Amino acid sequence: MSEKAHQIVNEQIGERPACLVLHGLGGGPYELAPLLAALEAEQLSVACPVLPGHDGPGPVMPASRWGEWSAAAETAFDELAASGRKVAIVGFSTGATVALHLATRRPVARQVLLAPFLAIRYSGLIPLRPAVYLRWLARLVPDLPRRPPALRDPEMRGHATEANAYRTFSVPAALSALELIEVLLPEISRIQTPTLIIQGSRDTVVEPAHAGWLYENLGSADKKLVYLEHSDHLLALDCQRDRTISETLAFMLG
C-alpha cells in the first residue's frame, strides 16, 4: 500500500471511533441488541463483553464485584484502542456507572450513558440508607427472585425474559454497584469526556432525576441530556428504542 493510501486509511480510522458497549447489572448484551445492530450497520468496530458474574449458565445469578467489571471494561477498551482508533463508550445502567469510572482512567473519546445508575428508584422511601439495607439483606437473602424486565413494550419484554438465563438477582452484586457509585461521585466534576445522557422518565429501576444531577455536575463542556417520556429502564429495547438509537448514532458520529 502506498504512503498516500496509508494516510487515507489512518484518517478514516481517526474519524470513526471504535465503540465499547457495556451492559447492565444482571443483564447481558441482549439488553442492547437493537443498538448493537445499528452500530455494526454503521461499520463501526464494536465490542460488548459479557461482564464477570454474568457469564454463568443460570438460573442463579453469581455474585460479582465492581472491580471485576471495571477491569474487564479496561481490558476491552485497551484491545479496541490498540487498533489506533479513538474509543467511544455506550454504557447502560450499571454499565454507565462503569463507563464513567473508565473515563477517569482511559482517554474515552465520547460516551453515551443510557439510564445511568446513580441511585435506586424509590430508595428515599426506605428508612435506611440503601447500602446499609442491602448489607443486611445480603446476609439473610443473597439471591432475590428476579422481577420482570423493566420495559413497557410487551413484545420486547417477552424477548428479554427469554434471553436472560438468570431467575435470581445477586444482592451482593447490587451492593457492590452502590460501592462503585460512592467511589465515582467525587470524580464526576473532573470528567471532561463529551457525554450524551438518555433517561426514561418512567424508569422503575434507577432514579430519573439523577440524570439531571449528572448532567449539571459533569465537567464536560460538550454534554446533552435527553428524557424519553414514555420509556422505562431498558431504553434500547423499549417503546422509544428508535429514538435511543438515533440519538446515540448522531452523537457518536457527529
C-alpha atoms as a PDB file:
ATOM      1  CA  MET A   1       0.000   0.000   0.000  1.00  0.00           C
ATOM      2  CA  SER A   2       1.306   3.437  -0.921  1.00  0.00           C
ATOM      3  CA  GLU A   3       2.113   6.098   1.668  1.00  0.00           C
ATOM      4  CA  LYS A   4      -0.860   8.144   0.470  1.00  0.00           C
ATOM      5  CA  ALA A   5      -3.186   5.156   0.810  1.00  0.00           C
ATOM      6  CA  HIS A   6      -1.890   4.553   4.348  1.00  0.00           C
ATOM      7  CA  GLN A   7      -2.632   8.192   5.163  1.00  0.00           C
ATOM      8  CA  ILE A   8      -6.211   7.892   3.850  1.00  0.00           C
ATOM      9  CA  VAL A   9      -6.825   4.724   5.904  1.00  0.00           C
ATOM     10  CA  ASN A  10      -5.386   6.335   9.020  1.00  0.00           C
ATOM     11  CA  GLU A  11      -7.607   9.406   8.534  1.00  0.00           C
ATOM     12  CA  GLN A  12     -10.672   7.169   8.194  1.00  0.00           C
ATOM     13  CA  ILE A  13      -9.690   5.251  11.330  1.00  0.00           C
ATOM     14  CA  GLY A  14      -9.287   8.521  13.202  1.00  0.00           C
ATOM     15  CA  GLU A  15     -12.651   9.862  12.111  1.00  0.00           C
ATOM     16  CA  ARG A  16     -14.800   6.874  13.094  1.00  0.00           C
ATOM     17  CA  PRO A  17     -14.357   5.640  16.663  1.00  0.00           C
ATOM     18  CA  ALA A  18     -14.386   2.080  17.832  1.00  0.00           C
ATOM     19  CA  CYS A  19     -17.225   1.500  20.271  1.00  0.00           C
ATOM     20  CA  LEU A  20     -17.226  -0.288  23.610  1.00  0.00           C
ATOM     21  CA  VAL A  21     -20.714  -1.189  24.838  1.00  0.00           C
ATOM     22  CA  LEU A  22     -21.311  -2.127  28.498  1.00  0.00           C
ATOM     23  CA  HIS A  23     -24.479  -3.911  29.600  1.00  0.00           C
ATOM     24  CA  GLY A  24     -26.301  -3.574  32.907  1.00  0.00           C
ATOM     25  CA  LEU A  25     -26.158  -5.415  36.213  1.00  0.00           C
ATOM     26  CA  GLY A  26     -27.738  -8.848  35.978  1.00  0.00           C
ATOM     27  CA  GLY A  27     -28.232  -8.492  32.233  1.00  0.00           C
ATOM     28  CA  GLY A  28     -26.139  -9.008  29.135  1.00  0.00           C
ATOM     29  CA  PRO A  29     -25.613  -7.853  25.552  1.00  0.00           C
ATOM     30  CA  TYR A  30     -29.229  -8.790  24.725  1.00  0.00           C
ATOM     31  CA  GLU A  31     -30.311  -5.618  26.597  1.00  0.00           C
ATOM     32  CA  LEU A  32     -28.686  -3.567  23.836  1.00  0.00           C
ATOM     33  CA  ALA A  33     -29.247  -5.816  20.809  1.00  0.00           C
ATOM     34  CA  PRO A  34     -31.037  -3.297  18.514  1.00  0.00           C
ATOM     35  CA  LEU A  35     -28.441  -0.629  19.309  1.00  0.00           C
ATOM     36  CA  LEU A  36     -25.560  -3.048  18.731  1.00  0.00           C
ATOM     37  CA  ALA A  37     -27.029  -3.933  15.343  1.00  0.00           C
ATOM     38  CA  ALA A  38     -27.317  -0.245  14.438  1.00  0.00           C
ATOM     39  CA  LEU A  39     -23.705   0.461  15.431  1.00  0.00           C
ATOM     40  CA  GLU A  40     -22.470  -2.502  13.415  1.00  0.00           C
ATOM     41  CA  ALA A  41     -24.579  -1.381  10.429  1.00  0.00           C
ATOM     42  CA  GLU A  42     -22.540   1.838  10.509  1.00  0.00           C
ATOM     43  CA  GLN A  43     -19.457  -0.385  10.085  1.00  0.00           C
ATOM     44  CA  LEU A  44     -18.066   0.595  13.455  1.00  0.00           C
ATOM     45  CA  SER A  45     -15.773  -1.755  15.313  1.00  0.00           C
ATOM     46  CA  VAL A  46     -17.926  -2.788  18.291  1.00  0.00           C
ATOM     47  CA  ALA A  47     -17.144  -4.796  21.429  1.00  0.00           C
ATOM     48  CA  CYS A  48     -19.764  -5.750  24.010  1.00  0.00           C
ATOM     49  CA  PRO A  49     -18.077  -8.014  26.556  1.00  0.00           C
ATOM     50  CA  VAL A  50     -20.096 -10.132  28.955  1.00  0.00           C
ATOM     51  CA  LEU A  51     -19.036  -8.749  32.321  1.00  0.00           C
ATOM     52  CA  PRO A  52     -17.769 -11.064  35.102  1.00  0.00           C
ATOM     53  CA  GLY A  53     -20.614 -12.600  37.082  1.00  0.00           C
ATOM     54  CA  HIS A  54     -22.863 -12.569  34.033  1.00  0.00           C
ATOM     55  CA  ASP A  55     -21.412 -15.469  32.077  1.00  0.00           C
ATOM     56  CA  GLY A  56     -22.739 -18.446  34.054  1.00  0.00           C
ATOM     57  CA  PRO A  57     -25.401 -20.892  32.869  1.00  0.00           C
ATOM     58  CA  GLY A  58     -28.037 -19.835  35.430  1.00  0.00           C
ATOM     59  CA  PRO A  59     -30.608 -19.963  36.818  1.00  0.00           C
ATOM     60  CA  VAL A  60     -28.878 -18.419  39.881  1.00  0.00           C
ATOM     61  CA  MET A  61     -27.009 -15.191  39.174  1.00  0.00           C
ATOM     62  CA  PRO A  62     -23.449 -15.403  40.539  1.00  0.00           C
ATOM     63  CA  ALA A  63     -22.112 -12.763  42.884  1.00  0.00           C
ATOM     64  CA  SER A  64     -19.505 -10.401  41.431  1.00  0.00           C
ATOM     65  CA  ARG A  65     -17.865  -7.107  42.317  1.00  0.00           C
ATOM     66  CA  TRP A  66     -17.408  -3.776  40.609  1.00  0.00           C
ATOM     67  CA  GLY A  67     -13.631  -4.135  40.456  1.00  0.00           C
ATOM     68  CA  GLU A  68     -14.089  -7.155  38.197  1.00  0.00           C
ATOM     69  CA  TRP A  69     -16.470  -5.261  35.886  1.00  0.00           C
ATOM     70  CA  SER A  70     -14.118  -2.306  35.734  1.00  0.00           C
ATOM     71  CA  ALA A  71     -11.097  -4.491  34.939  1.00  0.00           C
ATOM     72  CA  ALA A  72     -12.991  -6.242  32.134  1.00  0.00           C
ATOM     73  CA  ALA A  73     -14.060  -2.876  30.684  1.00  0.00           C
ATOM     74  CA  GLU A  74     -10.477  -1.575  30.783  1.00  0.00           C
ATOM     75  CA  THR A  75      -9.200  -4.703  29.013  1.00  0.00           C
ATOM     76  CA  ALA A  76     -11.841  -4.399  26.277  1.00  0.00           C
ATOM     77  CA  PHE A  77     -11.086  -0.670  25.895  1.00  0.00           C
ATOM     78  CA  ASP A  78      -7.353  -1.326  25.528  1.00  0.00           C
ATOM     79  CA  GLU A  79      -7.967  -4.012  22.907  1.00  0.00           C
ATOM     80  CA  LEU A  80     -10.074  -1.611  20.830  1.00  0.00           C
ATOM     81  CA  ALA A  81      -7.587   1.228  21.288  1.00  0.00           C
ATOM     82  CA  ALA A  82      -4.728  -0.991  20.067  1.00  0.00           C
ATOM     83  CA  SER A  83      -6.153  -0.646  16.536  1.00  0.00           C
ATOM     84  CA  GLY A  84      -5.261   3.047  16.550  1.00  0.00           C
ATOM     85  CA  ARG A  85      -8.860   4.212  16.690  1.00  0.00           C
ATOM     86  CA  LYS A  86     -10.293   6.516  19.272  1.00  0.00           C
ATOM     87  CA  VAL A  87     -12.691   4.612  21.529  1.00  0.00           C
ATOM     88  CA  ALA A  88     -16.195   5.743  22.449  1.00  0.00           C
ATOM     89  CA  ILE A  89     -18.363   4.023  25.066  1.00  0.00           C
ATOM     90  CA  VAL A  90     -22.049   3.251  25.418  1.00  0.00           C
ATOM     91  CA  GLY A  91     -22.947   2.230  28.952  1.00  0.00           C
ATOM     92  CA  PHE A  92     -26.355   1.067  30.143  1.00  0.00           C
ATOM     93  CA  SER A  93     -27.440   1.329  33.805  1.00  0.00           C
ATOM     94  CA  THR A  94     -24.567  -0.036  35.922  1.00  0.00           C
ATOM     95  CA  GLY A  95     -22.646  -0.271  32.653  1.00  0.00           C
ATOM     96  CA  ALA A  96     -22.973   3.516  32.505  1.00  0.00           C
ATOM     97  CA  THR A  97     -21.522   3.779  36.003  1.00  0.00           C
ATOM     98  CA  VAL A  98     -18.614   1.581  34.920  1.00  0.00           C
ATOM     99  CA  ALA A  99     -18.221   3.757  31.803  1.00  0.00           C
ATOM    100  CA  LEU A 100     -17.980   6.923  33.911  1.00  0.00           C
ATOM    101  CA  HIS A 101     -15.329   5.281  36.085  1.00  0.00           C
ATOM    102  CA  LEU A 102     -13.450   4.206  32.961  1.00  0.00           C
ATOM    103  CA  ALA A 103     -13.474   7.812  31.742  1.00  0.00           C
ATOM    104  CA  THR A 104     -11.345   8.694  34.783  1.00  0.00           C
ATOM    105  CA  ARG A 105      -8.774   6.061  33.790  1.00  0.00           C
ATOM    106  CA  ARG A 106      -8.699   5.987  29.985  1.00  0.00           C
ATOM    107  CA  PRO A 107      -8.899   8.591  27.146  1.00  0.00           C
ATOM    108  CA  VAL A 108     -12.541   7.973  26.250  1.00  0.00           C
ATOM    109  CA  ALA A 109     -13.414   9.919  23.088  1.00  0.00           C
ATOM    110  CA  ARG A 110     -17.173  10.166  23.684  1.00  0.00           C
ATOM    111  CA  GLN A 111     -19.678   8.434  25.925  1.00  0.00           C
ATOM    112  CA  VAL A 112     -23.389   7.700  25.793  1.00  0.00           C
ATOM    113  CA  LEU A 113     -24.975   6.880  29.144  1.00  0.00           C
ATOM    114  CA  LEU A 114     -28.327   5.093  28.996  1.00  0.00           C
ATOM    115  CA  ALA A 115     -30.314   5.238  32.251  1.00  0.00           C
ATOM    116  CA  PRO A 116     -27.133   5.693  34.320  1.00  0.00           C
ATOM    117  CA  PHE A 117     -27.316   4.028  37.720  1.00  0.00           C
ATOM    118  CA  LEU A 118     -26.596   6.608  40.411  1.00  0.00           C
ATOM    119  CA  ALA A 119     -29.475   5.813  42.786  1.00  0.00           C
ATOM    120  CA  ILE A 120     -32.141   3.135  43.182  1.00  0.00           C
ATOM    121  CA  ARG A 121     -35.664   4.283  42.298  1.00  0.00           C
ATOM    122  CA  TYR A 122     -37.824   4.892  45.365  1.00  0.00           C
ATOM    123  CA  SER A 123     -34.842   4.397  47.698  1.00  0.00           C
ATOM    124  CA  GLY A 124     -35.958   7.548  49.527  1.00  0.00           C
ATOM    125  CA  LEU A 125     -38.891   5.561  50.869  1.00  0.00           C
ATOM    126  CA  ILE A 126     -36.548   3.174  52.708  1.00  0.00           C
ATOM    127  CA  PRO A 127     -35.745   4.369  56.244  1.00  0.00           C
ATOM    128  CA  LEU A 128     -32.160   3.024  55.995  1.00  0.00           C
ATOM    129  CA  ARG A 129     -29.501   4.062  53.502  1.00  0.00           C
ATOM    130  CA  PRO A 130     -29.654   1.650  50.522  1.00  0.00           C
ATOM    131  CA  ALA A 131     -26.155   0.275  51.182  1.00  0.00           C
ATOM    132  CA  VAL A 132     -26.973  -0.431  54.838  1.00  0.00           C
ATOM    133  CA  TYR A 133     -30.234  -2.111  53.861  1.00  0.00           C
ATOM    134  CA  LEU A 134     -28.562  -4.248  51.183  1.00  0.00           C
ATOM    135  CA  ARG A 135     -25.788  -5.367  53.527  1.00  0.00           C
ATOM    136  CA  TRP A 136     -28.433  -6.556  55.970  1.00  0.00           C
ATOM    137  CA  LEU A 137     -30.422  -8.183  53.178  1.00  0.00           C
ATOM    138  CA  ALA A 138     -27.377  -9.894  51.644  1.00  0.00           C
ATOM    139  CA  ARG A 139     -26.737 -11.741  54.901  1.00  0.00           C
ATOM    140  CA  LEU A 140     -30.298 -13.048  55.024  1.00  0.00           C
ATOM    141  CA  VAL A 141     -31.265 -13.489  51.363  1.00  0.00           C
ATOM    142  CA  PRO A 142     -28.299 -13.183  48.983  1.00  0.00           C
ATOM    143  CA  ASP A 143     -30.384 -14.155  45.943  1.00  0.00           C
ATOM    144  CA  LEU A 144     -33.720 -12.475  45.246  1.00  0.00           C
ATOM    145  CA  PRO A 145     -36.335 -13.619  42.715  1.00  0.00           C
ATOM    146  CA  ARG A 146     -35.882 -11.640  39.516  1.00  0.00           C
ATOM    147  CA  ARG A 147     -38.515  -9.062  38.662  1.00  0.00           C
ATOM    148  CA  PRO A 148     -39.924  -8.839  35.102  1.00  0.00           C
ATOM    149  CA  PRO A 149     -37.811  -6.798  32.642  1.00  0.00           C
ATOM    150  CA  ALA A 150     -38.313  -3.067  33.162  1.00  0.00           C
ATOM    151  CA  LEU A 151     -39.802  -2.014  29.835  1.00  0.00           C
ATOM    152  CA  ARG A 152     -43.235  -1.047  28.613  1.00  0.00           C
ATOM    153  CA  ASP A 153     -43.131  -2.760  25.202  1.00  0.00           C
ATOM    154  CA  PRO A 154     -44.849  -6.140  25.832  1.00  0.00           C
ATOM    155  CA  GLU A 155     -43.258  -7.957  22.880  1.00  0.00           C
ATOM    156  CA  MET A 156     -39.742  -6.888  23.803  1.00  0.00           C
ATOM    157  CA  ARG A 157     -40.448  -7.732  27.433  1.00  0.00           C
ATOM    158  CA  GLY A 158     -41.067 -11.312  26.342  1.00  0.00           C
ATOM    159  CA  HIS A 159     -37.855 -11.404  24.317  1.00  0.00           C
ATOM    160  CA  ALA A 160     -35.842 -10.025  27.243  1.00  0.00           C
ATOM    161  CA  THR A 161     -37.319 -12.598  29.632  1.00  0.00           C
ATOM    162  CA  GLU A 162     -36.348 -15.436  27.301  1.00  0.00           C
ATOM    163  CA  ALA A 163     -32.844 -14.066  26.707  1.00  0.00           C
ATOM    164  CA  ASN A 164     -31.889 -13.821  30.376  1.00  0.00           C
ATOM    165  CA  ALA A 165     -30.635 -17.116  31.823  1.00  0.00           C
ATOM    166  CA  TYR A 166     -30.973 -15.910  35.420  1.00  0.00           C
ATOM    167  CA  ARG A 167     -34.072 -16.224  37.537  1.00  0.00           C
ATOM    168  CA  THR A 168     -32.472 -14.598  40.588  1.00  0.00           C
ATOM    169  CA  PHE A 169     -30.695 -11.311  41.274  1.00  0.00           C
ATOM    170  CA  SER A 170     -27.497 -11.142  43.330  1.00  0.00           C
ATOM    171  CA  VAL A 171     -27.840  -8.781  46.291  1.00  0.00           C
ATOM    172  CA  PRO A 172     -24.054  -8.711  46.931  1.00  0.00           C
ATOM    173  CA  ALA A 173     -23.530  -7.628  43.308  1.00  0.00           C
ATOM    174  CA  ALA A 174     -26.094  -4.844  43.738  1.00  0.00           C
ATOM    175  CA  LEU A 175     -24.326  -3.753  46.929  1.00  0.00           C
ATOM    176  CA  SER A 176     -21.030  -3.613  45.041  1.00  0.00           C
ATOM    177  CA  ALA A 177     -22.663  -1.410  42.383  1.00  0.00           C
ATOM    178  CA  LEU A 178     -23.595   1.034  45.157  1.00  0.00           C
ATOM    179  CA  GLU A 179     -19.993   0.956  46.367  1.00  0.00           C
ATOM    180  CA  LEU A 180     -18.860   1.914  42.851  1.00  0.00           C
ATOM    181  CA  ILE A 181     -21.204   4.911  42.931  1.00  0.00           C
ATOM    182  CA  GLU A 182     -19.601   6.100  46.169  1.00  0.00           C
ATOM    183  CA  VAL A 183     -16.164   5.832  44.565  1.00  0.00           C
ATOM    184  CA  LEU A 184     -17.353   7.637  41.432  1.00  0.00           C
ATOM    185  CA  LEU A 185     -19.279  10.624  42.822  1.00  0.00           C
ATOM    186  CA  PRO A 186     -16.219  12.685  43.858  1.00  0.00           C
ATOM    187  CA  GLU A 187     -14.830  12.242  40.322  1.00  0.00           C
ATOM    188  CA  ILE A 188     -17.866  13.474  38.365  1.00  0.00           C
ATOM    189  CA  SER A 189     -16.822  17.119  38.137  1.00  0.00           C
ATOM    190  CA  ARG A 190     -13.410  16.122  36.752  1.00  0.00           C
ATOM    191  CA  ILE A 191     -14.806  14.041  33.860  1.00  0.00           C
ATOM    192  CA  GLN A 192     -14.500  16.121  30.686  1.00  0.00           C
ATOM    193  CA  THR A 193     -15.491  13.464  28.135  1.00  0.00           C
ATOM    194  CA  PRO A 194     -18.195  14.624  25.683  1.00  0.00           C
ATOM    195  CA  THR A 195     -21.329  12.959  27.024  1.00  0.00           C
ATOM    196  CA  LEU A 196     -24.876  12.149  25.963  1.00  0.00           C
ATOM    197  CA  ILE A 197     -27.256  11.059  28.729  1.00  0.00           C
ATOM    198  CA  ILE A 198     -30.541   9.371  27.792  1.00  0.00           C
ATOM    199  CA  GLN A 199     -33.035   8.709  30.572  1.00  0.00           C
ATOM    200  CA  GLY A 200     -36.514   7.221  30.620  1.00  0.00           C
ATOM    201  CA  SER A 201     -38.979   9.358  32.570  1.00  0.00           C
ATOM    202  CA  ARG A 202     -40.889   6.239  33.645  1.00  0.00           C
ATOM    203  CA  ASP A 203     -37.824   4.343  34.830  1.00  0.00           C
ATOM    204  CA  THR A 204     -38.731   1.937  37.633  1.00  0.00           C
ATOM    205  CA  VAL A 205     -35.151   0.825  38.398  1.00  0.00           C
ATOM    206  CA  VAL A 206     -32.987   3.945  38.704  1.00  0.00           C
ATOM    207  CA  GLU A 207     -33.998   7.390  39.905  1.00  0.00           C
ATOM    208  CA  PRO A 208     -34.642   9.502  36.766  1.00  0.00           C
ATOM    209  CA  ALA A 209     -33.868  12.795  38.496  1.00  0.00           C
ATOM    210  CA  HIS A 210     -30.246  11.770  38.971  1.00  0.00           C
ATOM    211  CA  ALA A 211     -29.716  12.017  35.212  1.00  0.00           C
ATOM    212  CA  GLY A 212     -30.295  15.745  35.599  1.00  0.00           C
ATOM    213  CA  TRP A 213     -27.897  15.886  38.543  1.00  0.00           C
ATOM    214  CA  LEU A 214     -25.263  14.101  36.483  1.00  0.00           C
ATOM    215  CA  TYR A 215     -25.745  16.484  33.565  1.00  0.00           C
ATOM    216  CA  GLU A 216     -25.342  19.535  35.808  1.00  0.00           C
ATOM    217  CA  ASN A 217     -22.261  18.211  37.591  1.00  0.00           C
ATOM    218  CA  LEU A 218     -20.230  16.622  34.794  1.00  0.00           C
ATOM    219  CA  GLY A 219     -17.085  18.584  33.994  1.00  0.00           C
ATOM    220  CA  SER A 220     -17.605  18.237  30.239  1.00  0.00           C
ATOM    221  CA  ALA A 221     -18.388  21.336  28.195  1.00  0.00           C
ATOM    222  CA  ASP A 222     -19.941  19.121  25.487  1.00  0.00           C
ATOM    223  CA  LYS A 223     -22.912  17.352  27.030  1.00  0.00           C
ATOM    224  CA  LYS A 224     -26.547  16.671  26.266  1.00  0.00           C
ATOM    225  CA  LEU A 225     -29.465  15.249  28.267  1.00  0.00           C
ATOM    226  CA  VAL A 226     -32.462  13.594  26.618  1.00  0.00           C
ATOM    227  CA  TYR A 227     -35.514  12.433  28.561  1.00  0.00           C
ATOM    228  CA  LEU A 228     -37.770   9.842  26.909  1.00  0.00           C
ATOM    229  CA  GLU A 229     -41.208  10.464  28.359  1.00  0.00           C
ATOM    230  CA  HIS A 230     -42.724   7.038  27.613  1.00  0.00           C
ATOM    231  CA  SER A 231     -39.778   4.750  28.403  1.00  0.00           C
ATOM    232  CA  ASP A 232     -38.884   2.579  31.388  1.00  0.00           C
ATOM    233  CA  HIS A 233     -35.355   1.353  32.151  1.00  0.00           C
ATOM    234  CA  LEU A 234     -34.340  -0.847  29.204  1.00  0.00           C
ATOM    235  CA  LEU A 235     -34.091   2.027  26.737  1.00  0.00           C
ATOM    236  CA  ALA A 236     -32.547   0.120  23.850  1.00  0.00           C
ATOM    237  CA  LEU A 237     -35.479  -2.326  23.869  1.00  0.00           C
ATOM    238  CA  ASP A 238     -38.413  -0.204  24.968  1.00  0.00           C
ATOM    239  CA  CYS A 239     -41.085   1.641  23.008  1.00  0.00           C
ATOM    240  CA  GLN A 240     -38.793   4.587  22.154  1.00  0.00           C
ATOM    241  CA  ARG A 241     -35.788   2.475  21.154  1.00  0.00           C
ATOM    242  CA  ASP A 242     -35.660   4.108  17.703  1.00  0.00           C
ATOM    243  CA  ARG A 243     -35.114   7.484  19.368  1.00  0.00           C
ATOM    244  CA  THR A 244     -32.475   5.967  21.658  1.00  0.00           C
ATOM    245  CA  ILE A 245     -30.656   4.562  18.637  1.00  0.00           C
ATOM    246  CA  SER A 246     -30.892   7.718  16.515  1.00  0.00           C
ATOM    247  CA  GLU A 247     -29.676   9.966  19.343  1.00  0.00           C
ATOM    248  CA  THR A 248     -26.796   7.606  20.069  1.00  0.00           C
ATOM    249  CA  LEU A 249     -25.671   7.366  16.434  1.00  0.00           C
ATOM    250  CA  ALA A 250     -25.909  11.134  15.922  1.00  0.00           C
ATOM    251  CA  PHE A 251     -23.751  11.756  18.986  1.00  0.00           C
ATOM    252  CA  MET A 252     -21.242   9.025  18.195  1.00  0.00           C
ATOM    253  CA  LEU A 253     -20.759  10.037  14.561  1.00  0.00           C
ATOM    254  CA  GLY A 254     -21.358  13.776  14.842  1.00  0.00           C
END
